């Protein structure tokens, strides 16, 4: 447990010393992810519509029994396959301008379990084209089913509106992933930098590496400090009793105290 605590504290110390590197990496990668999601990746719009598969009623009867409902449910998978078949999509291709070459790649047909409702979802870069494809598919499908299946049991529940906001890419998700990736990259760079840097930075690292106590340290003397000391002029010693210039004539002459014999 102590070794794990020491390892964790060492990692935190490494990250703390390299916090500027990690922060810079996070900002660069996160900003790049935001830029890519906003200006590089083409946005995708989603338009959806629904059709209802109604049970076939017997002539002269308005009652729908469980057998008829089960029969309708058994047709759901068949209808889903028909929607994606060339019999439907080729006609949609002719009616929708600027439609993609392969509509099946942008088309999703799904239904809930034990449900008679089929959802048609179209995801495309052009929101108007996406809505047109979804609406035309439901219309063509509803018109073709009586000829294909000899039964008229398809009703359009809802039509697709032109979407205003894209569903992909998610700027928040891309930016969040970029920030996480940037943190990981910055942490790895910090560990690599710490691993290959063999310098001893302070007394604690010296005690830890050498297993010896530190009894003193020598301060670092920069070259510029030594140059400044060498170039500093020494002070000039002045006379204790200087005589001002111009006052030499006012000095009284000394008397000769010697006597002649």
C-alpha atoms as a PDB file:
ATOM      1  CA  UNK A   1       0.000   0.000   0.000  1.00  0.00           C
ATOM      2  CA  UNK A   2       2.852   2.393   0.809  1.00  0.00           C
ATOM      3  CA  UNK A   3       4.522   1.687  -2.540  1.00  0.00           C
ATOM      4  CA  UNK A   4       1.281   2.426  -4.348  1.00  0.00           C
ATOM      5  CA  UNK A   5       0.923   5.667  -2.401  1.00  0.00           C
ATOM      6  CA  UNK A   6       4.510   6.638  -3.243  1.00  0.00           C
ATOM      7  CA  UNK A   7       3.937   5.857  -6.919  1.00  0.00           C
ATOM      8  CA  UNK A   8       0.792   7.969  -6.989  1.00  0.00           C
ATOM      9  CA  UNK A   9       2.483  10.858  -5.235  1.00  0.00           C
ATOM     10  CA  UNK A  10       5.405  10.658  -7.677  1.00  0.00           C
ATOM     11  CA  UNK A  11       3.060  10.780 -10.645  1.00  0.00           C
ATOM     12  CA  UNK A  12       1.229  13.763  -9.198  1.00  0.00           C
ATOM     13  CA  UNK A  13       4.557  15.487  -8.611  1.00  0.00           C
ATOM     14  CA  UNK A  14       5.594  14.859 -12.228  1.00  0.00           C
ATOM     15  CA  UNK A  15       2.288  16.191 -13.536  1.00  0.00           C
ATOM     16  CA  UNK A  16       2.528  19.239 -11.296  1.00  0.00           C
ATOM     17  CA  UNK A  17       6.001  20.091 -12.570  1.00  0.00           C
ATOM     18  CA  UNK A  18       4.833  19.695 -16.184  1.00  0.00           C
ATOM     19  CA  UNK A  19       1.447  21.370 -15.769  1.00  0.00           C
ATOM     20  CA  UNK A  20       2.199  24.006 -18.403  1.00  0.00           C
ATOM     21  CA  UNK A  21       3.089  21.316 -20.952  1.00  0.00           C
ATOM     22  CA  UNK A  22      -0.055  19.330 -20.156  1.00  0.00           C
ATOM     23  CA  UNK A  23      -2.248  22.442 -20.280  1.00  0.00           C
ATOM     24  CA  UNK A  24      -0.786  23.503 -23.617  1.00  0.00           C
ATOM     25  CA  UNK A  25      -1.325  20.040 -25.101  1.00  0.00           C
ATOM     26  CA  UNK A  26      -4.915  19.917 -23.853  1.00  0.00           C
ATOM     27  CA  UNK A  27      -5.685  23.310 -25.386  1.00  0.00           C
ATOM     28  CA  UNK A  28      -4.078  22.446 -28.736  1.00  0.00           C
ATOM     29  CA  UNK A  29      -5.737  19.043 -29.169  1.00  0.00           C
ATOM     30  CA  UNK A  30      -9.102  20.234 -27.827  1.00  0.00           C
ATOM     31  CA  UNK A  31      -9.055  23.270 -30.107  1.00  0.00           C
ATOM     32  CA  UNK A  32      -8.134  21.104 -33.086  1.00  0.00           C
ATOM     33  CA  UNK A  33     -11.036  18.740 -32.342  1.00  0.00           C
ATOM     34  CA  UNK A  34     -13.444  21.676 -32.115  1.00  0.00           C
ATOM     35  CA  UNK A  35     -12.182  23.108 -35.410  1.00  0.00           C
ATOM     36  CA  UNK A  36     -12.508  19.748 -37.187  1.00  0.00           C
ATOM     37  CA  UNK A  37     -16.060  19.188 -35.938  1.00  0.00           C
ATOM     38  CA  UNK A  38     -17.138  22.702 -36.908  1.00  0.00           C
ATOM     39  CA  UNK A  39     -15.400  23.350 -40.225  1.00  0.00           C
ATOM     40  CA  UNK A  40     -13.943  20.126 -41.621  1.00  0.00           C
ATOM     41  CA  UNK A  41     -16.471  17.320 -41.124  1.00  0.00           C
ATOM     42  CA  UNK A  42     -19.563  17.678 -43.281  1.00  0.00           C
ATOM     43  CA  UNK A  43     -22.726  17.944 -41.145  1.00  0.00           C
ATOM     44  CA  UNK A  44     -25.393  15.245 -41.384  1.00  0.00           C
ATOM     45  CA  UNK A  45     -29.134  15.934 -41.147  1.00  0.00           C
ATOM     46  CA  UNK A  46     -31.829  13.440 -40.228  1.00  0.00           C
ATOM     47  CA  UNK A  47     -35.398  13.298 -41.573  1.00  0.00           C
ATOM     48  CA  UNK A  48     -37.900  10.626 -40.553  1.00  0.00           C
ATOM     49  CA  UNK A  49     -41.414   9.502 -41.357  1.00  0.00           C
ATOM     50  CA  UNK A  50     -43.717   6.648 -40.280  1.00  0.00           C
ATOM     51  CA  UNK A  51     -46.098   4.200 -41.925  1.00  0.00           C
ATOM     52  CA  UNK A  52     -48.689   1.981 -40.266  1.00  0.00           C
ATOM     53  CA  UNK A  53     -49.445  -1.578 -41.319  1.00  0.00           C
ATOM     54  CA  UNK A  54     -53.169  -2.059 -40.680  1.00  0.00           C
ATOM     55  CA  UNK A  55     -54.795  -5.492 -40.370  1.00  0.00           C
ATOM     56  CA  UNK A  56     -56.846  -6.699 -43.290  1.00  0.00           C
ATOM     57  CA  UNK A  57     -60.543  -6.636 -42.472  1.00  0.00           C
ATOM     58  CA  UNK A  58     -63.019  -9.097 -43.820  1.00  0.00           C
ATOM     59  CA  UNK A  59     -65.748  -7.750 -46.075  1.00  0.00           C
ATOM     60  CA  UNK A  60     -68.740  -6.442 -44.147  1.00  0.00           C
ATOM     61  CA  UNK A  61     -66.975  -6.655 -40.786  1.00  0.00           C
ATOM     62  CA  UNK A  62     -65.408  -3.857 -38.723  1.00  0.00           C
ATOM     63  CA  UNK A  63     -63.997  -6.210 -36.103  1.00  0.00           C
ATOM     64  CA  UNK A  64     -60.246  -6.925 -36.045  1.00  0.00           C
ATOM     65  CA  UNK A  65     -59.235 -10.121 -34.270  1.00  0.00           C
ATOM     66  CA  UNK A  66     -55.841 -11.228 -32.987  1.00  0.00           C
ATOM     67  CA  UNK A  67     -55.238 -13.413 -36.021  1.00  0.00           C
ATOM     68  CA  UNK A  68     -55.402 -10.424 -38.342  1.00  0.00           C
ATOM     69  CA  UNK A  69     -53.061  -8.429 -36.101  1.00  0.00           C
ATOM     70  CA  UNK A  70     -50.568 -11.297 -36.026  1.00  0.00           C
ATOM     71  CA  UNK A  71     -50.758 -11.501 -39.789  1.00  0.00           C
ATOM     72  CA  UNK A  72     -49.921  -7.815 -40.072  1.00  0.00           C
ATOM     73  CA  UNK A  73     -46.999  -8.172 -37.667  1.00  0.00           C
ATOM     74  CA  UNK A  74     -45.621 -11.067 -39.698  1.00  0.00           C
ATOM     75  CA  UNK A  75     -45.473  -8.756 -42.718  1.00  0.00           C
ATOM     76  CA  UNK A  76     -43.339  -6.118 -40.993  1.00  0.00           C
ATOM     77  CA  UNK A  77     -39.996  -7.742 -41.830  1.00  0.00           C
ATOM     78  CA  UNK A  78     -41.119  -8.360 -45.398  1.00  0.00           C
ATOM     79  CA  UNK A  79     -42.141  -4.720 -45.813  1.00  0.00           C
ATOM     80  CA  UNK A  80     -38.830  -3.542 -44.400  1.00  0.00           C
ATOM     81  CA  UNK A  81     -36.972  -5.535 -47.030  1.00  0.00           C
ATOM     82  CA  UNK A  82     -39.268  -4.227 -49.789  1.00  0.00           C
ATOM     83  CA  UNK A  83     -38.568  -0.625 -48.762  1.00  0.00           C
ATOM     84  CA  UNK A  84     -34.859  -1.134 -49.372  1.00  0.00           C
ATOM     85  CA  UNK A  85     -35.338  -3.033 -52.617  1.00  0.00           C
ATOM     86  CA  UNK A  86     -34.573  -1.597 -56.098  1.00  0.00           C
ATOM     87  CA  UNK A  87     -38.299  -1.713 -56.891  1.00  0.00           C
ATOM     88  CA  UNK A  88     -38.819   1.195 -54.474  1.00  0.00           C
ATOM     89  CA  UNK A  89     -35.442   2.962 -54.419  1.00  0.00           C
ATOM     90  CA  UNK A  90     -35.028   3.202 -58.194  1.00  0.00           C
ATOM     91  CA  UNK A  91     -38.275   5.112 -58.477  1.00  0.00           C
ATOM     92  CA  UNK A  92     -37.284   7.328 -55.554  1.00  0.00           C
ATOM     93  CA  UNK A  93     -33.979   8.011 -57.311  1.00  0.00           C
ATOM     94  CA  UNK A  94     -35.862   9.276 -60.364  1.00  0.00           C
ATOM     95  CA  UNK A  95     -38.225  11.520 -58.411  1.00  0.00           C
ATOM     96  CA  UNK A  96     -35.802  13.176 -55.977  1.00  0.00           C
ATOM     97  CA  UNK A  97     -33.327  15.647 -57.412  1.00  0.00           C
ATOM     98  CA  UNK A  98     -29.754  15.581 -56.100  1.00  0.00           C
ATOM     99  CA  UNK A  99     -30.346  12.214 -54.430  1.00  0.00           C
ATOM    100  CA  UNK A 100     -27.236  10.107 -53.695  1.00  0.00           C
ATOM    101  CA  UNK A 101     -26.318   7.322 -56.091  1.00  0.00           C
ATOM    102  CA  UNK A 102     -27.029   4.651 -53.480  1.00  0.00           C
ATOM    103  CA  UNK A 103     -30.007   5.654 -51.351  1.00  0.00           C
ATOM    104  CA  UNK A 104     -29.766   2.474 -49.279  1.00  0.00           C
ATOM    105  CA  UNK A 105     -26.583   3.836 -47.659  1.00  0.00           C
ATOM    106  CA  UNK A 106     -28.461   6.790 -46.143  1.00  0.00           C
ATOM    107  CA  UNK A 107     -31.683   4.890 -45.403  1.00  0.00           C
ATOM    108  CA  UNK A 108     -32.574   3.220 -42.119  1.00  0.00           C
ATOM    109  CA  UNK A 109     -35.807   1.209 -41.809  1.00  0.00           C
ATOM    110  CA  UNK A 110     -36.696   0.055 -38.303  1.00  0.00           C
ATOM    111  CA  UNK A 111     -39.662  -0.988 -36.204  1.00  0.00           C
ATOM    112  CA  UNK A 112     -40.309  -1.699 -32.566  1.00  0.00           C
ATOM    113  CA  UNK A 113     -40.964  -5.239 -31.444  1.00  0.00           C
ATOM    114  CA  UNK A 114     -44.648  -6.210 -31.641  1.00  0.00           C
ATOM    115  CA  UNK A 115     -45.436  -2.896 -33.307  1.00  0.00           C
ATOM    116  CA  UNK A 116     -47.261  -2.278 -36.569  1.00  0.00           C
ATOM    117  CA  UNK A 117     -45.432   1.016 -37.163  1.00  0.00           C
ATOM    118  CA  UNK A 118     -42.385   1.215 -39.443  1.00  0.00           C
ATOM    119  CA  UNK A 119     -39.971   4.146 -39.054  1.00  0.00           C
ATOM    120  CA  UNK A 120     -38.148   5.416 -42.146  1.00  0.00           C
ATOM    121  CA  UNK A 121     -35.058   7.475 -41.279  1.00  0.00           C
ATOM    122  CA  UNK A 122     -32.846   9.222 -43.835  1.00  0.00           C
ATOM    123  CA  UNK A 123     -29.474  10.764 -42.914  1.00  0.00           C
ATOM    124  CA  UNK A 124     -27.892  13.006 -45.532  1.00  0.00           C
ATOM    125  CA  UNK A 125     -25.723  16.122 -45.793  1.00  0.00           C
ATOM    126  CA  UNK A 126     -28.510  18.143 -47.485  1.00  0.00           C
ATOM    127  CA  UNK A 127     -31.523  18.596 -45.162  1.00  0.00           C
ATOM    128  CA  UNK A 128     -33.989  19.289 -48.021  1.00  0.00           C
ATOM    129  CA  UNK A 129     -32.911  16.204 -49.960  1.00  0.00           C
ATOM    130  CA  UNK A 130     -33.114  14.096 -46.795  1.00  0.00           C
ATOM    131  CA  UNK A 131     -36.724  15.162 -46.166  1.00  0.00           C
ATOM    132  CA  UNK A 132     -37.677  14.613 -49.824  1.00  0.00           C
ATOM    133  CA  UNK A 133     -36.209  11.098 -49.856  1.00  0.00           C
ATOM    134  CA  UNK A 134     -38.073  10.099 -46.692  1.00  0.00           C
ATOM    135  CA  UNK A 135     -41.427  11.419 -47.962  1.00  0.00           C
ATOM    136  CA  UNK A 136     -41.060   9.968 -51.461  1.00  0.00           C
ATOM    137  CA  UNK A 137     -40.129   6.538 -50.085  1.00  0.00           C
ATOM    138  CA  UNK A 138     -43.304   6.360 -48.017  1.00  0.00           C
ATOM    139  CA  UNK A 139     -45.459   7.498 -50.946  1.00  0.00           C
ATOM    140  CA  UNK A 140     -43.908   5.082 -53.432  1.00  0.00           C
ATOM    141  CA  UNK A 141     -44.058   2.250 -50.909  1.00  0.00           C
ATOM    142  CA  UNK A 142     -47.734   2.876 -50.107  1.00  0.00           C
ATOM    143  CA  UNK A 143     -48.569   2.987 -53.858  1.00  0.00           C
ATOM    144  CA  UNK A 144     -46.571  -0.121 -54.811  1.00  0.00           C
ATOM    145  CA  UNK A 145     -47.634  -2.476 -52.021  1.00  0.00           C
ATOM    146  CA  UNK A 146     -51.129  -3.201 -53.472  1.00  0.00           C
ATOM    147  CA  UNK A 147     -49.526  -4.382 -56.714  1.00  0.00           C
ATOM    148  CA  UNK A 148     -46.679  -6.267 -55.031  1.00  0.00           C
ATOM    149  CA  UNK A 149     -48.601  -7.939 -52.180  1.00  0.00           C
ATOM    150  CA  UNK A 150     -52.203  -7.806 -53.434  1.00  0.00           C
ATOM    151  CA  UNK A 151     -53.170  -6.027 -50.231  1.00  0.00           C
ATOM    152  CA  UNK A 152     -53.776  -2.390 -49.390  1.00  0.00           C
ATOM    153  CA  UNK A 153     -52.839  -2.145 -45.727  1.00  0.00           C
ATOM    154  CA  UNK A 154     -50.243   0.666 -45.612  1.00  0.00           C
ATOM    155  CA  UNK A 155     -51.112   4.059 -44.178  1.00  0.00           C
ATOM    156  CA  UNK A 156     -48.814   7.073 -43.843  1.00  0.00           C
ATOM    157  CA  UNK A 157     -48.740   8.238 -40.237  1.00  0.00           C
ATOM    158  CA  UNK A 158     -46.408  11.245 -40.495  1.00  0.00           C
ATOM    159  CA  UNK A 159     -44.427  13.126 -43.091  1.00  0.00           C
ATOM    160  CA  UNK A 160     -40.841  14.307 -42.738  1.00  0.00           C
ATOM    161  CA  UNK A 161     -40.069  17.956 -42.085  1.00  0.00           C
ATOM    162  CA  UNK A 162     -36.888  19.661 -43.236  1.00  0.00           C
ATOM    163  CA  UNK A 163     -34.452  19.401 -40.290  1.00  0.00           C
ATOM    164  CA  UNK A 164     -32.848  22.617 -39.104  1.00  0.00           C
ATOM    165  CA  UNK A 165     -30.062  21.270 -36.902  1.00  0.00           C
ATOM    166  CA  UNK A 166     -27.540  18.567 -37.828  1.00  0.00           C
ATOM    167  CA  UNK A 167     -27.383  15.348 -35.841  1.00  0.00           C
ATOM    168  CA  UNK A 168     -23.681  14.843 -36.515  1.00  0.00           C
ATOM    169  CA  UNK A 169     -20.957  15.636 -35.824  1.00  0.00           C
ATOM    170  CA  UNK A 170     -21.473  16.553 -32.180  1.00  0.00           C
ATOM    171  CA  UNK A 171     -19.210  19.503 -31.410  1.00  0.00           C
ATOM    172  CA  UNK A 172     -19.458  18.906 -27.662  1.00  0.00           C
ATOM    173  CA  UNK A 173     -18.546  15.234 -27.994  1.00  0.00           C
ATOM    174  CA  UNK A 174     -15.641  15.882 -30.357  1.00  0.00           C
ATOM    175  CA  UNK A 175     -14.275  18.683 -28.158  1.00  0.00           C
ATOM    176  CA  UNK A 176     -14.591  16.549 -25.029  1.00  0.00           C
ATOM    177  CA  UNK A 177     -12.764  13.667 -26.682  1.00  0.00           C
ATOM    178  CA  UNK A 178     -10.095  16.098 -27.871  1.00  0.00           C
ATOM    179  CA  UNK A 179      -9.565  17.433 -24.343  1.00  0.00           C
ATOM    180  CA  UNK A 180      -9.218  13.908 -22.948  1.00  0.00           C
ATOM    181  CA  UNK A 181      -6.810  12.869 -25.703  1.00  0.00           C
ATOM    182  CA  UNK A 182      -4.813  16.061 -25.164  1.00  0.00           C
ATOM    183  CA  UNK A 183      -4.521  15.337 -21.448  1.00  0.00           C
ATOM    184  CA  UNK A 184      -3.319  11.790 -22.158  1.00  0.00           C
ATOM    185  CA  UNK A 185      -0.755  13.002 -24.700  1.00  0.00           C
ATOM    186  CA  UNK A 186       0.465  15.744 -22.356  1.00  0.00           C
ATOM    187  CA  UNK A 187       0.787  13.260 -19.484  1.00  0.00           C
ATOM    188  CA  UNK A 188       2.776  10.836 -21.635  1.00  0.00           C
ATOM    189  CA  UNK A 189       5.094  13.640 -22.767  1.00  0.00           C
ATOM    190  CA  UNK A 190       5.560  14.711 -19.153  1.00  0.00           C
ATOM    191  CA  UNK A 191       6.505  11.158 -18.127  1.00  0.00           C
ATOM    192  CA  UNK A 192       8.928  10.821 -21.049  1.00  0.00           C
ATOM    193  CA  UNK A 193      10.491  14.147 -20.176  1.00  0.00           C
ATOM    194  CA  UNK A 194      10.848  13.123 -16.537  1.00  0.00           C
ATOM    195  CA  UNK A 195      12.308   9.707 -17.439  1.00  0.00           C
ATOM    196  CA  UNK A 196      15.073  11.061 -19.660  1.00  0.00           C
ATOM    197  CA  UNK A 197      15.883  14.088 -17.504  1.00  0.00           C
ATOM    198  CA  UNK A 198      18.646  12.929 -15.113  1.00  0.00           C
ATOM    199  CA  UNK A 199      19.203  16.254 -13.379  1.00  0.00           C
ATOM    200  CA  UNK A 200      18.840  16.552  -9.615  1.00  0.00           C
ATOM    201  CA  UNK A 201      16.641  19.548  -8.965  1.00  0.00           C
ATOM    202  CA  UNK A 202      16.556  19.896  -5.179  1.00  0.00           C
ATOM    203  CA  UNK A 203      17.718  18.439  -1.861  1.00  0.00           C
ATOM    204  CA  UNK A 204      14.793  16.029  -1.611  1.00  0.00           C
ATOM    205  CA  UNK A 205      15.664  14.349  -4.894  1.00  0.00           C
ATOM    206  CA  UNK A 206      19.320  14.088  -3.828  1.00  0.00           C
ATOM    207  CA  UNK A 207      18.376  12.464  -0.509  1.00  0.00           C
ATOM    208  CA  UNK A 208      16.027  10.071  -2.292  1.00  0.00           C
ATOM    209  CA  UNK A 209      18.535   9.016  -4.948  1.00  0.00           C
ATOM    210  CA  UNK A 210      21.630   8.774  -2.721  1.00  0.00           C
ATOM    211  CA  UNK A 211      19.934   7.692   0.521  1.00  0.00           C
ATOM    212  CA  UNK A 212      22.150  10.200   2.331  1.00  0.00           C
ATOM    213  CA  UNK A 213      21.314  13.341   4.267  1.00  0.00           C
ATOM    214  CA  UNK A 214      22.150  16.719   2.762  1.00  0.00           C
ATOM    215  CA  UNK A 215      24.501  18.673   5.042  1.00  0.00           C
ATOM    216  CA  UNK A 216      24.999  21.713   2.821  1.00  0.00           C
ATOM    217  CA  UNK A 217      24.525  23.196  -0.592  1.00  0.00           C
ATOM    218  CA  UNK A 218      26.534  25.448  -2.874  1.00  0.00           C
ATOM    219  CA  UNK A 219      24.605  28.294  -4.465  1.00  0.00           C
ATOM    220  CA  UNK A 220      24.722  28.722  -8.179  1.00  0.00           C
ATOM    221  CA  UNK A 221      26.788  31.723  -9.235  1.00  0.00           C
ATOM    222  CA  UNK A 222      25.900  33.088 -12.612  1.00  0.00           C
ATOM    223  CA  UNK A 223      28.605  34.391 -14.959  1.00  0.00           C
ATOM    224  CA  UNK A 224      26.981  37.761 -15.164  1.00  0.00           C
ATOM    225  CA  UNK A 225      27.228  38.155 -11.373  1.00  0.00           C
ATOM    226  CA  UNK A 226      30.967  37.391 -11.445  1.00  0.00           C
ATOM    227  CA  UNK A 227      31.502  39.799 -14.353  1.00  0.00           C
ATOM    228  CA  UNK A 228      29.705  42.535 -12.451  1.00  0.00           C
ATOM    229  CA  UNK A 229      31.935  42.056  -9.415  1.00  0.00           C
ATOM    230  CA  UNK A 230      35.099  42.194 -11.522  1.00  0.00           C
ATOM    231  CA  UNK A 231      34.094  45.363 -13.339  1.00  0.00           C
ATOM    232  CA  UNK A 232      33.066  47.232 -10.174  1.00  0.00           C
ATOM    233  CA  UNK A 233      35.700  50.017  -9.448  1.00  0.00           C
ATOM    234  CA  UNK A 234      37.395  50.080  -6.067  1.00  0.00           C
ATOM    235  CA  UNK A 235      36.723  53.201  -3.922  1.00  0.00           C
ATOM    236  CA  UNK A 236      39.454  55.936  -3.880  1.00  0.00           C
ATOM    237  CA  UNK A 237      40.934  56.645  -0.455  1.00  0.00           C
ATOM    238  CA  UNK A 238      40.801  60.337   0.381  1.00  0.00           C
ATOM    239  CA  UNK A 239      43.241  62.299   2.556  1.00  0.00           C
ATOM    240  CA  UNK A 240      42.116  62.699   6.119  1.00  0.00           C
ATOM    241  CA  UNK A 241      42.848  66.436   6.208  1.00  0.00           C
ATOM    242  CA  UNK A 242      42.647  67.672   2.678  1.00  0.00           C
ATOM    243  CA  UNK A 243      43.711  71.172   1.862  1.00  0.00           C
ATOM    244  CA  UNK A 244      41.378  73.019  -0.391  1.00  0.00           C
ATOM    245  CA  UNK A 245      42.851  74.423  -3.541  1.00  0.00           C
ATOM    246  CA  UNK A 246      43.319  78.198  -3.329  1.00  0.00           C
ATOM    247  CA  UNK A 247      43.849  78.168   0.424  1.00  0.00           C
ATOM    248  CA  UNK A 248      47.583  77.386   0.190  1.00  0.00           C
ATOM    249  CA  UNK A 249      48.558  81.146   0.528  1.00  0.00           C
ATOM    250  CA  UNK A 250      46.668  81.412   3.807  1.00  0.00           C
ATOM    251  CA  UNK A 251      48.717  78.786   5.551  1.00  0.00           C
ATOM    252  CA  UNK A 252      50.906  80.573   8.144  1.00  0.00           C
ATOM    253  CA  UNK A 253      54.676  79.938   7.873  1.00  0.00           C
ATOM    254  CA  UNK A 254      56.316  77.896  10.576  1.00  0.00           C
ATOM    255  CA  UNK A 255      58.768  79.612  12.837  1.00  0.00           C
ATOM    256  CA  UNK A 256      62.359  78.406  13.062  1.00  0.00           C
ATOM    257  CA  UNK A 257      62.971  77.660  16.696  1.00  0.00           C
ATOM    258  CA  UNK A 258      66.686  77.083  16.325  1.00  0.00           C
ATOM    259  CA  UNK A 259      68.959  79.613  18.091  1.00  0.00           C
ATOM    260  CA  UNK A 260      72.329  80.767  16.852  1.00  0.00           C
ATOM    261  CA  UNK A 261      75.242  80.429  19.253  1.00  0.00           C
END
